[in-house]
Structures are given as structure tokens and as C-alpha cells.
């Protein structure tokens, strides 16, 4: 009267098993290609005694710098003029510190 789950699933999904694997493999191939094109920024972590610096790069350009001191609040370095340098912080003339005041 009782059947094991393996034999029940084998009888119920006998023909669908190959189709399921085909769909699964096809989805995995398209997912990896999509993930490659939607890749996030590269993060370089520079650890020192007094602080940790996170450099965020996208397409080879430095986009954001986060400085986390051993004491105090973390801050970000942002360009003084956002219109120059096309968003690349290495081309910015002056970087100003910026703190997060409120998060919600």
C-alpha cells in the first residue's frame, strides 16, 4: 500500500525527468551569461592599523572610496565637482569627505 518516494516519483515523472534536466541545464547556462553582464563593482580592501579602505571600481574606473576608521564613523570620499572626470575618482581634482547623517 505504501510506496517509497523514489518509486512513486519514478512512476509519476518518468517522462518528465529528462525534460526537467534539460530545462535546468538551459537555465543554468543563461543565468551564468546574465550574471557576467550584470557583474557588480570590484572591491579592493586595504587594511591598515588605524583604518580599512574600500575602493569600489566599475569597468576599471574608481567610483567610490569608503574609509572605516578603527574608531569613529565611516566616511566616503566624493569628488568636489561631480560633472568633471566622468565619475572616475582618479580624474577628480579634489575629493571631499562625506558622512552618512541618518539611515532608515
Protein backbone atom coordinates (compact mmCIF):
# COMPACT_ATOMS: atom_id res chain seq x y z
CA UNK A 1 0.00 0.00 0.00
CA UNK A 2 2.77 2.44 0.84
CA UNK A 3 5.38 3.16 -1.78
CA UNK A 4 8.71 4.80 -1.28
CA UNK A 5 9.04 8.35 -2.55
CA UNK A 6 11.64 7.23 -5.08
CA UNK A 7 9.40 4.67 -6.78
CA UNK A 8 6.38 6.97 -6.72
CA UNK A 9 8.30 9.83 -8.31
CA UNK A 10 9.80 7.45 -10.85
CA UNK A 11 6.34 6.32 -11.94
CA UNK A 12 4.76 9.78 -11.89
CA UNK A 13 7.56 11.71 -13.58
CA UNK A 14 9.12 9.03 -15.74
CA UNK A 15 8.93 11.03 -18.98
CA UNK A 16 9.39 14.45 -17.37
CA UNK A 17 12.73 13.63 -15.79
CA UNK A 18 14.73 14.23 -19.00
CA UNK A 19 12.77 17.40 -19.73
CA UNK A 20 13.41 18.70 -16.22
CA UNK A 21 17.16 18.21 -16.57
CA UNK A 22 17.12 19.86 -19.97
CA UNK A 23 15.30 22.90 -18.60
CA UNK A 24 17.59 23.01 -15.57
CA UNK A 25 20.76 22.94 -17.69
CA UNK A 26 19.40 25.53 -20.11
CA UNK A 27 18.53 27.86 -17.24
CA UNK A 28 21.98 27.46 -15.68
CA UNK A 29 23.69 28.39 -18.95
CA UNK A 30 21.64 31.56 -19.45
CA UNK A 31 21.96 32.55 -15.79
CA UNK A 32 25.77 32.49 -15.86
CA UNK A 33 25.84 34.62 -19.03
CA UNK A 34 23.41 37.11 -17.47
CA UNK A 35 25.41 37.26 -14.22
CA UNK A 36 28.57 38.05 -16.17
CA UNK A 37 26.97 41.05 -17.88
CA UNK A 38 25.38 42.30 -14.62
CA UNK A 39 28.53 41.96 -12.57
CA UNK A 40 28.81 44.44 -9.72
CA UNK A 41 31.77 46.59 -8.78
CA UNK A 42 35.20 45.21 -7.93
CA UNK A 43 36.12 45.97 -4.33
CA UNK A 44 39.72 46.36 -3.17
CA UNK A 45 40.17 46.22 0.60
CA UNK A 46 43.24 47.94 2.03
CA UNK A 47 43.69 47.18 5.73
CA UNK A 48 45.92 49.35 7.91
CA UNK A 49 46.36 49.61 11.68
CA UNK A 50 44.12 52.65 12.07
CA UNK A 51 41.62 52.21 9.23
CA UNK A 52 40.25 49.99 6.47
CA UNK A 53 39.80 51.46 2.99
CA UNK A 54 37.35 50.02 0.46
CA UNK A 55 37.90 51.05 -3.17
CA UNK A 56 34.92 50.36 -5.43
CA UNK A 57 35.71 50.11 -9.16
CA UNK A 58 33.36 49.52 -12.05
CA UNK A 59 34.65 48.94 -15.58
CA UNK A 60 38.14 49.77 -14.30
CA UNK A 61 37.18 53.24 -13.02
CA UNK A 62 37.36 54.19 -9.36
CA UNK A 63 33.77 55.10 -8.41
CA UNK A 64 33.70 55.27 -4.61
CA UNK A 65 36.07 55.18 -1.65
CA UNK A 66 34.83 54.20 1.81
CA UNK A 67 37.10 54.75 4.81
CA UNK A 68 36.30 52.87 8.03
CA UNK A 69 38.49 54.10 10.90
CA UNK A 70 39.20 51.91 13.93
CA UNK A 71 37.26 54.47 15.99
CA UNK A 72 34.58 56.87 14.79
CA UNK A 73 32.09 56.74 11.95
CA UNK A 74 32.93 55.55 8.43
CA UNK A 75 33.08 58.20 5.72
CA UNK A 76 33.13 58.32 1.94
CA UNK A 77 35.39 60.32 -0.35
CA UNK A 78 33.44 62.03 -3.12
CA UNK A 79 34.60 64.40 -5.89
CA UNK A 80 34.18 68.13 -5.32
CA UNK A 81 32.73 68.61 -8.81
CA UNK A 82 30.62 65.65 -9.97
CA UNK A 83 30.49 66.90 -13.57
CA UNK A 84 34.24 66.55 -14.21
CA UNK A 85 36.06 63.26 -14.71
CA UNK A 86 33.02 61.27 -15.89
CA UNK A 87 32.56 59.71 -12.43
CA UNK A 88 36.14 58.40 -12.22
CA UNK A 89 37.58 59.48 -8.85
CA UNK A 90 41.15 59.14 -10.13
CA UNK A 91 40.44 62.00 -12.55
CA UNK A 92 38.69 64.18 -9.96
CA UNK A 93 40.51 67.36 -8.93
CA UNK A 94 39.58 67.29 -5.24
CA UNK A 95 37.96 64.64 -3.04
CA UNK A 96 35.86 65.74 -0.08
CA UNK A 97 34.89 63.56 2.90
CA UNK A 98 31.18 62.81 3.26
CA UNK A 99 29.43 61.20 6.24
CA UNK A 100 26.07 59.45 6.46
CA UNK A 101 23.93 61.51 8.84
CA UNK A 102 20.76 59.40 9.01
CA UNK A 103 19.93 55.90 7.74
CA UNK A 104 16.44 54.43 7.71
